[in-house]
Amino acid sequence: MEVELLSHGEPLTRGRVDVAAIFAEHHLGLVRLALLMVGDQASAEDVVQEAFTRTHASRGKLRDPDKALAYVRSAVLNGCRSVLRRRATVFRKPVPYDPPVWSAENAALVGEERREVLVALRRLPRRQREALTLRYYVELSDREIAETMGVSGGTVRSTITRGLAALAKELGEGS
């Protein structure tokens, strides 16, 4: 159901919308609707509050005051969609993975493993060390590594492959 707004020069055909009465009667139901859509109480209440604020601001422009509730419902649904879109953009960003630490001993072991990798990495030739560091710590692409090191993309790939093999041998993980 669509609600039309009046333009600035158009006269009202009926009385003004009683937003307070709509709020008193339908607020709880609209919050429940928003809660189902967005999943948390605080966001649902914010969406409904914003919908009523906008309805109150434009209450004199409604062509048919009987459709004011439909207008508020539409505003609530649109607000929910906006909240969900904002959340979706947050979740699109990759989050670095850290394995769960279940105990202090586990944390110590992880720290020791990282220290061993860093020591073995220092023993590699400079070019291999740089390529591996740029790939796995700075997370650059082959092209970006090639530009940074001043070499070709093929050289980057072969250097990383040889560096990983040498690192595995240093750590005693080679075949």
N, C-alpha and C. Protein backbone atom coordinates (compact mmCIF):
# COMPACT_ATOMS: atom_id res chain seq x y z
N MET A 1 0.85 -1.17 0.00
CA MET A 1 0.00 0.00 0.00
C MET A 1 0.90 1.23 0.00
N GLU A 2 0.65 2.14 -0.87
CA GLU A 2 1.47 3.32 -1.00
C GLU A 2 0.72 4.55 -0.49
N VAL A 3 1.44 5.40 0.21
CA VAL A 3 0.84 6.63 0.76
C VAL A 3 1.45 7.80 0.00
N GLU A 4 0.62 8.68 -0.49
CA GLU A 4 1.09 9.83 -1.23
C GLU A 4 1.20 11.04 -0.32
N LEU A 5 2.23 11.83 -0.54
CA LEU A 5 2.41 13.06 0.21
C LEU A 5 1.95 14.25 -0.62
N LEU A 6 1.46 15.27 0.03
CA LEU A 6 1.03 16.50 -0.65
C LEU A 6 2.25 17.33 -1.01
N SER A 7 2.14 18.05 -2.11
CA SER A 7 3.19 19.01 -2.42
C SER A 7 2.95 20.26 -1.57
N HIS A 8 3.90 21.17 -1.55
CA HIS A 8 3.84 22.32 -0.64
C HIS A 8 2.61 23.21 -0.85
N GLY A 9 2.15 23.39 -2.07
CA GLY A 9 1.04 24.31 -2.31
C GLY A 9 -0.33 23.66 -2.25
N GLU A 10 -0.41 22.36 -2.10
CA GLU A 10 -1.68 21.64 -2.16
C GLU A 10 -2.39 21.68 -0.80
N PRO A 11 -3.68 21.98 -0.79
CA PRO A 11 -4.40 22.06 0.48
C PRO A 11 -4.74 20.66 1.02
N LEU A 12 -4.94 20.58 2.31
CA LEU A 12 -5.36 19.33 2.95
C LEU A 12 -6.84 19.10 2.71
N THR A 13 -7.19 17.86 2.42
CA THR A 13 -8.60 17.55 2.23
C THR A 13 -9.24 17.12 3.54
N ARG A 14 -8.45 16.64 4.47
CA ARG A 14 -8.95 16.21 5.78
C ARG A 14 -8.09 16.84 6.87
N GLY A 15 -8.37 16.45 8.10
CA GLY A 15 -7.60 16.97 9.22
C GLY A 15 -6.21 16.36 9.28
N ARG A 16 -5.44 16.92 10.16
CA ARG A 16 -4.07 16.44 10.35
C ARG A 16 -4.07 15.06 10.97
N VAL A 17 -2.99 14.36 10.74
CA VAL A 17 -2.82 13.00 11.28
C VAL A 17 -2.47 13.10 12.76
N ASP A 18 -3.12 12.29 13.57
CA ASP A 18 -2.83 12.24 15.00
C ASP A 18 -1.76 11.18 15.24
N VAL A 19 -0.49 11.59 15.12
CA VAL A 19 0.64 10.67 15.25
C VAL A 19 0.70 10.10 16.65
N ALA A 20 0.35 10.90 17.65
CA ALA A 20 0.38 10.42 19.04
C ALA A 20 -0.60 9.26 19.24
N ALA A 21 -1.75 9.34 18.63
CA ALA A 21 -2.73 8.26 18.77
C ALA A 21 -2.24 7.00 18.06
N ILE A 22 -1.65 7.15 16.90
CA ILE A 22 -1.10 5.99 16.18
C ILE A 22 0.03 5.38 17.00
N PHE A 23 0.86 6.24 17.59
CA PHE A 23 1.96 5.76 18.41
C PHE A 23 1.43 4.96 19.60
N ALA A 24 0.48 5.51 20.30
CA ALA A 24 -0.08 4.85 21.49
C ALA A 24 -0.69 3.49 21.15
N GLU A 25 -1.34 3.42 20.02
CA GLU A 25 -2.05 2.20 19.67
C GLU A 25 -1.16 1.15 18.99
N HIS A 26 -0.16 1.57 18.23
CA HIS A 26 0.56 0.63 17.37
C HIS A 26 2.06 0.52 17.65
N HIS A 27 2.57 1.30 18.57
CA HIS A 27 4.02 1.30 18.84
C HIS A 27 4.54 -0.10 19.15
N LEU A 28 3.92 -0.78 20.07
CA LEU A 28 4.40 -2.10 20.50
C LEU A 28 4.40 -3.09 19.33
N GLY A 29 3.35 -3.11 18.56
CA GLY A 29 3.29 -4.01 17.41
C GLY A 29 4.35 -3.70 16.36
N LEU A 30 4.63 -2.41 16.15
CA LEU A 30 5.65 -2.03 15.18
C LEU A 30 7.06 -2.39 15.68
N VAL A 31 7.27 -2.26 17.00
CA VAL A 31 8.56 -2.67 17.56
C VAL A 31 8.73 -4.17 17.39
N ARG A 32 7.67 -4.93 17.61
CA ARG A 32 7.74 -6.39 17.41
C ARG A 32 8.05 -6.72 15.95
N LEU A 33 7.41 -6.03 15.03
CA LEU A 33 7.69 -6.23 13.61
C LEU A 33 9.17 -5.96 13.32
N ALA A 34 9.66 -4.83 13.79
CA ALA A 34 11.06 -4.47 13.55
C ALA A 34 12.00 -5.47 14.21
N LEU A 35 11.62 -5.95 15.40
CA LEU A 35 12.45 -6.92 16.11
C LEU A 35 12.58 -8.21 15.30
N LEU A 36 11.50 -8.64 14.69
CA LEU A 36 11.55 -9.82 13.84
C LEU A 36 12.47 -9.59 12.64
N MET A 37 12.48 -8.38 12.14
CA MET A 37 13.27 -8.08 10.94
C MET A 37 14.75 -7.92 11.26
N VAL A 38 15.09 -7.15 12.31
CA VAL A 38 16.50 -6.83 12.57
C VAL A 38 17.15 -7.71 13.63
N GLY A 39 16.36 -8.33 14.49
CA GLY A 39 16.92 -9.29 15.42
C GLY A 39 17.37 -8.78 16.76
N ASP A 40 17.36 -7.49 17.00
CA ASP A 40 17.71 -7.02 18.34
C ASP A 40 16.82 -5.85 18.74
N GLN A 41 16.52 -5.80 20.03
CA GLN A 41 15.56 -4.84 20.59
C GLN A 41 15.97 -3.39 20.36
N ALA A 42 17.23 -3.08 20.63
CA ALA A 42 17.67 -1.68 20.53
C ALA A 42 17.51 -1.15 19.11
N SER A 43 17.95 -1.93 18.13
CA SER A 43 17.83 -1.48 16.73
C SER A 43 16.37 -1.37 16.33
N ALA A 44 15.54 -2.31 16.78
CA ALA A 44 14.11 -2.28 16.46
C ALA A 44 13.47 -1.00 17.00
N GLU A 45 13.77 -0.67 18.25
CA GLU A 45 13.20 0.55 18.84
C GLU A 45 13.68 1.80 18.12
N ASP A 46 14.97 1.80 17.72
CA ASP A 46 15.50 2.95 16.98
C ASP A 46 14.80 3.12 15.64
N VAL A 47 14.57 2.01 14.95
CA VAL A 47 13.90 2.07 13.64
C VAL A 47 12.49 2.63 13.80
N VAL A 48 11.75 2.13 14.79
CA VAL A 48 10.36 2.58 14.99
C VAL A 48 10.34 4.05 15.41
N GLN A 49 11.26 4.43 16.27
CA GLN A 49 11.31 5.84 16.69
C GLN A 49 11.58 6.74 15.50
N GLU A 50 12.51 6.33 14.65
CA GLU A 50 12.82 7.14 13.46
C GLU A 50 11.61 7.21 12.52
N ALA A 51 10.89 6.12 12.39
CA ALA A 51 9.70 6.11 11.52
C ALA A 51 8.65 7.08 12.05
N PHE A 52 8.42 7.07 13.36
CA PHE A 52 7.44 8.00 13.93
C PHE A 52 7.92 9.44 13.85
N THR A 53 9.21 9.66 14.01
CA THR A 53 9.76 11.01 13.89
C THR A 53 9.52 11.56 12.49
N ARG A 54 9.78 10.74 11.49
CA ARG A 54 9.58 11.18 10.10
C ARG A 54 8.09 11.38 9.79
N THR A 55 7.26 10.51 10.34
CA THR A 55 5.82 10.65 10.11
C THR A 55 5.31 11.94 10.76
N HIS A 56 5.79 12.21 11.96
CA HIS A 56 5.37 13.44 12.64
C HIS A 56 5.81 14.67 11.85
N ALA A 57 7.02 14.63 11.32
CA ALA A 57 7.53 15.78 10.57
C ALA A 57 6.74 16.01 9.29
N SER A 58 6.21 14.94 8.69
CA SER A 58 5.48 15.11 7.43
C SER A 58 3.98 14.87 7.57
N ARG A 59 3.46 14.96 8.79
CA ARG A 59 2.05 14.65 9.03
C ARG A 59 1.11 15.58 8.29
N GLY A 60 1.49 16.80 8.03
CA GLY A 60 0.63 17.74 7.32
C GLY A 60 0.59 17.49 5.83
N LYS A 61 1.47 16.64 5.31
CA LYS A 61 1.54 16.40 3.88
C LYS A 61 0.82 15.13 3.44
N LEU A 62 0.33 14.35 4.37
CA LEU A 62 -0.35 13.11 4.00
C LEU A 62 -1.65 13.40 3.28
N ARG A 63 -1.86 12.80 2.11
CA ARG A 63 -3.09 13.00 1.36
C ARG A 63 -4.28 12.35 2.06
N ASP A 64 -4.05 11.15 2.60
CA ASP A 64 -5.14 10.40 3.23
C ASP A 64 -4.70 10.01 4.64
N PRO A 65 -5.14 10.77 5.65
CA PRO A 65 -4.74 10.47 7.02
C PRO A 65 -5.12 9.06 7.47
N ASP A 66 -6.10 8.43 6.80
CA ASP A 66 -6.47 7.06 7.16
C ASP A 66 -5.36 6.07 6.80
N LYS A 67 -4.47 6.47 5.94
CA LYS A 67 -3.37 5.60 5.53
C LYS A 67 -2.08 5.90 6.28
N ALA A 68 -2.17 6.68 7.33
CA ALA A 68 -0.97 7.05 8.08
C ALA A 68 -0.30 5.83 8.70
N LEU A 69 -1.07 4.89 9.21
CA LEU A 69 -0.49 3.68 9.79
C LEU A 69 0.28 2.90 8.72
N ALA A 70 -0.26 2.82 7.52
CA ALA A 70 0.44 2.14 6.43
C ALA A 70 1.75 2.86 6.12
N TYR A 71 1.72 4.18 6.17
CA TYR A 71 2.93 4.98 5.95
C TYR A 71 3.98 4.66 7.01
N VAL A 72 3.56 4.59 8.27
CA VAL A 72 4.49 4.28 9.36
C VAL A 72 5.03 2.87 9.19
N ARG A 73 4.18 1.92 8.86
CA ARG A 73 4.65 0.53 8.66
C ARG A 73 5.69 0.47 7.54
N SER A 74 5.42 1.18 6.44
CA SER A 74 6.38 1.22 5.34
C SER A 74 7.70 1.83 5.78
N ALA A 75 7.61 2.89 6.57
CA ALA A 75 8.81 3.53 7.08
C ALA A 75 9.60 2.58 7.99
N VAL A 76 8.89 1.80 8.80
CA VAL A 76 9.56 0.83 9.68
C VAL A 76 10.26 -0.24 8.83
N LEU A 77 9.58 -0.78 7.83
CA LEU A 77 10.20 -1.80 6.99
C LEU A 77 11.40 -1.24 6.23
N ASN A 78 11.28 -0.04 5.72
CA ASN A 78 12.41 0.58 5.03
C ASN A 78 13.57 0.81 5.98
N GLY A 79 13.27 1.23 7.20
CA GLY A 79 14.32 1.41 8.21
C GLY A 79 15.01 0.09 8.54
N CYS A 80 14.23 -0.97 8.63
CA CYS A 80 14.80 -2.29 8.90
C CYS A 80 15.72 -2.72 7.76
N ARG A 81 15.28 -2.48 6.53
CA ARG A 81 16.12 -2.81 5.38
C ARG A 81 17.45 -2.05 5.43
N SER A 82 17.39 -0.80 5.81
CA SER A 82 18.61 0.00 5.90
C SER A 82 19.56 -0.56 6.96
N VAL A 83 18.99 -0.93 8.11
CA VAL A 83 19.82 -1.51 9.17
C VAL A 83 20.48 -2.79 8.68
N LEU A 84 19.72 -3.64 8.01
CA LEU A 84 20.26 -4.91 7.52
C LEU A 84 21.30 -4.69 6.43
N ARG A 85 21.11 -3.67 5.58
CA ARG A 85 22.12 -3.36 4.56
C ARG A 85 23.42 -2.91 5.22
N ARG A 86 23.31 -2.05 6.23
CA ARG A 86 24.52 -1.59 6.93
C ARG A 86 25.25 -2.75 7.57
N ARG A 87 24.50 -3.65 8.17
CA ARG A 87 25.12 -4.83 8.79
C ARG A 87 25.79 -5.70 7.75
N ALA A 88 25.17 -5.86 6.61
CA ALA A 88 25.73 -6.71 5.56
C ALA A 88 27.06 -6.17 5.07
N THR A 89 27.19 -4.85 4.97
CA THR A 89 28.46 -4.28 4.52
C THR A 89 29.55 -4.51 5.55
N VAL A 90 29.20 -4.51 6.81
CA VAL A 90 30.19 -4.78 7.85
C VAL A 90 30.70 -6.21 7.74
N PHE A 91 29.79 -7.16 7.45
CA PHE A 91 30.17 -8.56 7.40
C PHE A 91 30.90 -8.92 6.12
N ARG A 92 30.88 -8.07 5.12
CA ARG A 92 31.60 -8.35 3.88
C ARG A 92 33.10 -8.18 4.06
N LYS A 93 33.51 -7.38 5.01
CA LYS A 93 34.94 -7.17 5.24
C LYS A 93 35.53 -8.43 5.86
N PRO A 94 36.65 -8.91 5.32
CA PRO A 94 37.24 -10.12 5.89
C PRO A 94 37.80 -9.85 7.29
N VAL A 95 37.58 -10.79 8.16
CA VAL A 95 38.08 -10.69 9.52
C VAL A 95 39.24 -11.66 9.65
N PRO A 96 40.40 -11.18 10.11
CA PRO A 96 41.53 -12.10 10.25
C PRO A 96 41.20 -13.23 11.23
N TYR A 97 41.61 -14.43 10.86
CA TYR A 97 41.30 -15.59 11.69
C TYR A 97 42.37 -15.78 12.75
N ASP A 98 41.96 -15.82 13.98
CA ASP A 98 42.82 -16.20 15.09
C ASP A 98 42.21 -17.45 15.69
N PRO A 99 43.00 -18.53 15.76
CA PRO A 99 42.43 -19.73 16.34
C PRO A 99 42.03 -19.49 17.79
N PRO A 100 40.98 -20.14 18.26
CA PRO A 100 40.54 -19.92 19.63
C PRO A 100 41.60 -20.36 20.63
N VAL A 101 41.73 -19.57 21.68
CA VAL A 101 42.67 -19.89 22.74
C VAL A 101 41.84 -20.42 23.90
N TRP A 102 42.02 -21.71 24.19
CA TRP A 102 41.20 -22.34 25.21
C TRP A 102 41.84 -22.31 26.58
N SER A 103 43.16 -22.12 26.62
CA SER A 103 43.82 -22.13 27.92
C SER A 103 45.09 -21.30 27.84
N ALA A 104 45.68 -21.04 28.99
CA ALA A 104 46.94 -20.30 29.03
C ALA A 104 48.06 -21.13 28.38
N GLU A 105 48.00 -22.46 28.56
CA GLU A 105 49.02 -23.33 27.97
C GLU A 105 48.94 -23.28 26.44
N ASN A 106 47.71 -23.30 25.92
CA ASN A 106 47.51 -23.23 24.48
C ASN A 106 48.05 -21.90 23.94
N ALA A 107 47.79 -20.82 24.64
CA ALA A 107 48.29 -19.52 24.23
C ALA A 107 49.81 -19.51 24.21
N ALA A 108 50.43 -20.14 25.20
CA ALA A 108 51.89 -20.21 25.25
C ALA A 108 52.43 -21.02 24.08
N LEU A 109 51.76 -22.13 23.75
CA LEU A 109 52.20 -22.96 22.63
C LEU A 109 52.09 -22.22 21.31
N VAL A 110 50.98 -21.51 21.12
CA VAL A 110 50.81 -20.72 19.90
C VAL A 110 51.89 -19.66 19.81
N GLY A 111 52.17 -18.99 20.91
CA GLY A 111 53.22 -17.98 20.94
C GLY A 111 54.58 -18.58 20.62
N GLU A 112 54.86 -19.77 21.12
CA GLU A 112 56.12 -20.45 20.85
C GLU A 112 56.22 -20.85 19.38
N GLU A 113 55.12 -21.34 18.81
CA GLU A 113 55.12 -21.70 17.39
C GLU A 113 55.39 -20.47 16.52
N ARG A 114 54.80 -19.36 16.86
CA ARG A 114 55.03 -18.13 16.09
C ARG A 114 56.48 -17.70 16.20
N ARG A 115 57.04 -17.82 17.39
CA ARG A 115 58.44 -17.44 17.60
C ARG A 115 59.34 -18.33 16.74
N GLU A 116 59.07 -19.64 16.69
CA GLU A 116 59.86 -20.56 15.88
C GLU A 116 59.77 -20.20 14.40
N VAL A 117 58.59 -19.85 13.93
CA VAL A 117 58.42 -19.46 12.53
C VAL A 117 59.22 -18.21 12.24
N LEU A 118 59.17 -17.22 13.13
CA LEU A 118 59.92 -15.98 12.91
C LEU A 118 61.42 -16.22 12.90
N VAL A 119 61.91 -17.09 13.77
CA VAL A 119 63.34 -17.41 13.79
C VAL A 119 63.73 -18.11 12.49
N ALA A 120 62.91 -19.07 12.05
CA ALA A 120 63.20 -19.78 10.79
C ALA A 120 63.12 -18.82 9.61
N LEU A 121 62.18 -17.89 9.65
CA LEU A 121 62.04 -16.90 8.58
C LEU A 121 63.28 -16.04 8.47
N ARG A 122 63.88 -15.68 9.60
CA ARG A 122 65.11 -14.86 9.60
C ARG A 122 66.28 -15.59 8.96
N ARG A 123 66.25 -16.92 8.96
CA ARG A 123 67.35 -17.70 8.40
C ARG A 123 67.27 -17.81 6.87
N LEU A 124 66.13 -17.45 6.29
CA LEU A 124 65.96 -17.55 4.84
C LEU A 124 66.73 -16.44 4.14
N PRO A 125 67.04 -16.64 2.84
CA PRO A 125 67.65 -15.55 2.07
C PRO A 125 66.73 -14.33 2.05
N ARG A 126 67.32 -13.17 1.90
CA ARG A 126 66.60 -11.90 2.00
C ARG A 126 65.39 -11.84 1.08
N ARG A 127 65.54 -12.22 -0.19
CA ARG A 127 64.43 -12.10 -1.14
C ARG A 127 63.27 -13.02 -0.74
N GLN A 128 63.56 -14.25 -0.33
CA GLN A 128 62.50 -15.16 0.11
C GLN A 128 61.82 -14.63 1.37
N ARG A 129 62.61 -14.12 2.29
CA ARG A 129 62.06 -13.57 3.53
C ARG A 129 61.14 -12.39 3.23
N GLU A 130 61.57 -11.51 2.34
CA GLU A 130 60.75 -10.35 1.97
C GLU A 130 59.45 -10.79 1.30
N ALA A 131 59.55 -11.71 0.34
CA ALA A 131 58.36 -12.15 -0.39
C ALA A 131 57.35 -12.81 0.55
N LEU A 132 57.82 -13.69 1.43
CA LEU A 132 56.92 -14.35 2.37
C LEU A 132 56.30 -13.36 3.35
N THR A 133 57.08 -12.42 3.81
CA THR A 133 56.57 -11.42 4.75
C THR A 133 55.52 -10.55 4.09
N LEU A 134 55.79 -10.11 2.86
CA LEU A 134 54.81 -9.27 2.15
C LEU A 134 53.53 -10.05 1.85
N ARG A 135 53.64 -11.34 1.56
CA ARG A 135 52.45 -12.13 1.24
C ARG A 135 51.65 -12.45 2.49
N TYR A 136 52.29 -13.01 3.52
CA TYR A 136 51.54 -13.59 4.63
C TYR A 136 51.38 -12.67 5.85
N TYR A 137 52.20 -11.66 5.95
CA TYR A 137 52.04 -10.74 7.08
C TYR A 137 51.40 -9.43 6.65
N VAL A 138 51.79 -8.93 5.48
CA VAL A 138 51.22 -7.68 4.97
C VAL A 138 50.03 -7.96 4.07
N GLU A 139 49.88 -9.22 3.60
CA GLU A 139 48.76 -9.69 2.79
C GLU A 139 48.64 -8.94 1.45
N LEU A 140 49.77 -8.79 0.77
CA LEU A 140 49.77 -8.15 -0.55
C LEU A 140 49.57 -9.20 -1.63
N SER A 141 49.07 -8.77 -2.78
CA SER A 141 48.90 -9.65 -3.95
C SER A 141 50.25 -9.81 -4.64
N ASP A 142 50.31 -10.76 -5.60
CA ASP A 142 51.55 -10.96 -6.37
C ASP A 142 51.98 -9.67 -7.06
N ARG A 143 51.02 -8.98 -7.66
CA ARG A 143 51.34 -7.74 -8.37
C ARG A 143 51.91 -6.69 -7.43
N GLU A 144 51.29 -6.55 -6.26
CA GLU A 144 51.77 -5.56 -5.29
C GLU A 144 53.15 -5.93 -4.75
N ILE A 145 53.38 -7.21 -4.54
CA ILE A 145 54.70 -7.66 -4.08
C ILE A 145 55.74 -7.38 -5.16
N ALA A 146 55.40 -7.68 -6.43
CA ALA A 146 56.32 -7.44 -7.54
C ALA A 146 56.68 -5.96 -7.62
N GLU A 147 55.69 -5.09 -7.49
CA GLU A 147 55.95 -3.64 -7.52
C GLU A 147 56.83 -3.22 -6.35
N THR A 148 56.55 -3.77 -5.17
CA THR A 148 57.31 -3.40 -3.97
C THR A 148 58.76 -3.86 -4.07
N MET A 149 58.97 -5.10 -4.56
CA MET A 149 60.32 -5.66 -4.63
C MET A 149 61.05 -5.29 -5.91
N GLY A 150 60.33 -4.78 -6.91
CA GLY A 150 60.96 -4.41 -8.18
C GLY A 150 61.32 -5.63 -9.02
N VAL A 151 60.49 -6.66 -8.98
CA VAL A 151 60.71 -7.88 -9.77
C VAL A 151 59.43 -8.22 -10.52
N SER A 152 59.48 -9.26 -11.35
CA SER A 152 58.29 -9.66 -12.10
C SER A 152 57.37 -10.52 -11.24
N GLY A 153 56.12 -10.69 -11.70
CA GLY A 153 55.15 -11.52 -10.98
C GLY A 153 55.58 -12.97 -10.92
N GLY A 154 56.19 -13.47 -12.00
CA GLY A 154 56.68 -14.85 -12.02
C GLY A 154 57.78 -15.06 -10.99
N THR A 155 58.64 -14.06 -10.85
CA THR A 155 59.72 -14.15 -9.86
C THR A 155 59.12 -14.19 -8.46
N VAL A 156 58.09 -13.42 -8.23
CA VAL A 156 57.43 -13.41 -6.92
C VAL A 156 56.88 -14.79 -6.61
N ARG A 157 56.16 -15.38 -7.55
CA ARG A 157 55.55 -16.70 -7.31
C ARG A 157 56.61 -17.77 -7.05
N SER A 158 57.66 -17.78 -7.86
CA SER A 158 58.71 -18.80 -7.66
C SER A 158 59.47 -18.56 -6.37
N THR A 159 59.68 -17.31 -6.01
CA THR A 159 60.39 -17.00 -4.77
C THR A 159 59.56 -17.43 -3.56
N ILE A 160 58.25 -17.20 -3.62
CA ILE A 160 57.37 -17.62 -2.52
C ILE A 160 57.35 -19.14 -2.41
N THR A 161 57.28 -19.83 -3.55
CA THR A 161 57.26 -21.29 -3.53
C THR A 161 58.55 -21.84 -2.92
N ARG A 162 59.70 -21.32 -3.36
CA ARG A 162 60.99 -21.77 -2.80
C ARG A 162 61.10 -21.37 -1.34
N GLY A 163 60.60 -20.19 -0.98
CA GLY A 163 60.66 -19.75 0.41
C GLY A 163 59.83 -20.62 1.32
N LEU A 164 58.64 -21.02 0.87
CA LEU A 164 57.79 -21.91 1.68
C LEU A 164 58.46 -23.27 1.86
N ALA A 165 59.09 -23.79 0.79
CA ALA A 165 59.78 -25.07 0.90
C ALA A 165 60.95 -24.97 1.88
N ALA A 166 61.70 -23.89 1.78
CA ALA A 166 62.85 -23.70 2.69
C ALA A 166 62.37 -23.51 4.13
N LEU A 167 61.29 -22.80 4.30
CA LEU A 167 60.74 -22.58 5.65
C LEU A 167 60.26 -23.89 6.25
N ALA A 168 59.58 -24.71 5.44
CA ALA A 168 59.12 -26.02 5.93
C ALA A 168 60.32 -26.88 6.33
N LYS A 169 61.40 -26.83 5.54
CA LYS A 169 62.62 -27.60 5.85
C LYS A 169 63.24 -27.11 7.16
N GLU A 170 63.29 -25.79 7.33
CA GLU A 170 63.83 -25.19 8.57
C GLU A 170 63.04 -25.63 9.79
N LEU A 171 61.73 -25.74 9.62
CA LEU A 171 60.85 -26.10 10.74
C LEU A 171 60.73 -27.61 10.91
N GLY A 172 61.39 -28.37 10.02
CA GLY A 172 61.34 -29.81 10.13
C GLY A 172 60.04 -30.39 9.64
N GLU A 173 59.33 -29.68 8.78
CA GLU A 173 58.04 -30.16 8.27
C GLU A 173 58.15 -30.64 6.84
N GLY A 174 59.32 -30.59 6.24
CA GLY A 174 59.49 -31.00 4.84
C GLY A 174 59.44 -32.50 4.71
N SER A 175 59.21 -32.96 3.48
CA SER A 175 59.16 -34.41 3.26
C SER A 175 60.51 -34.97 2.90
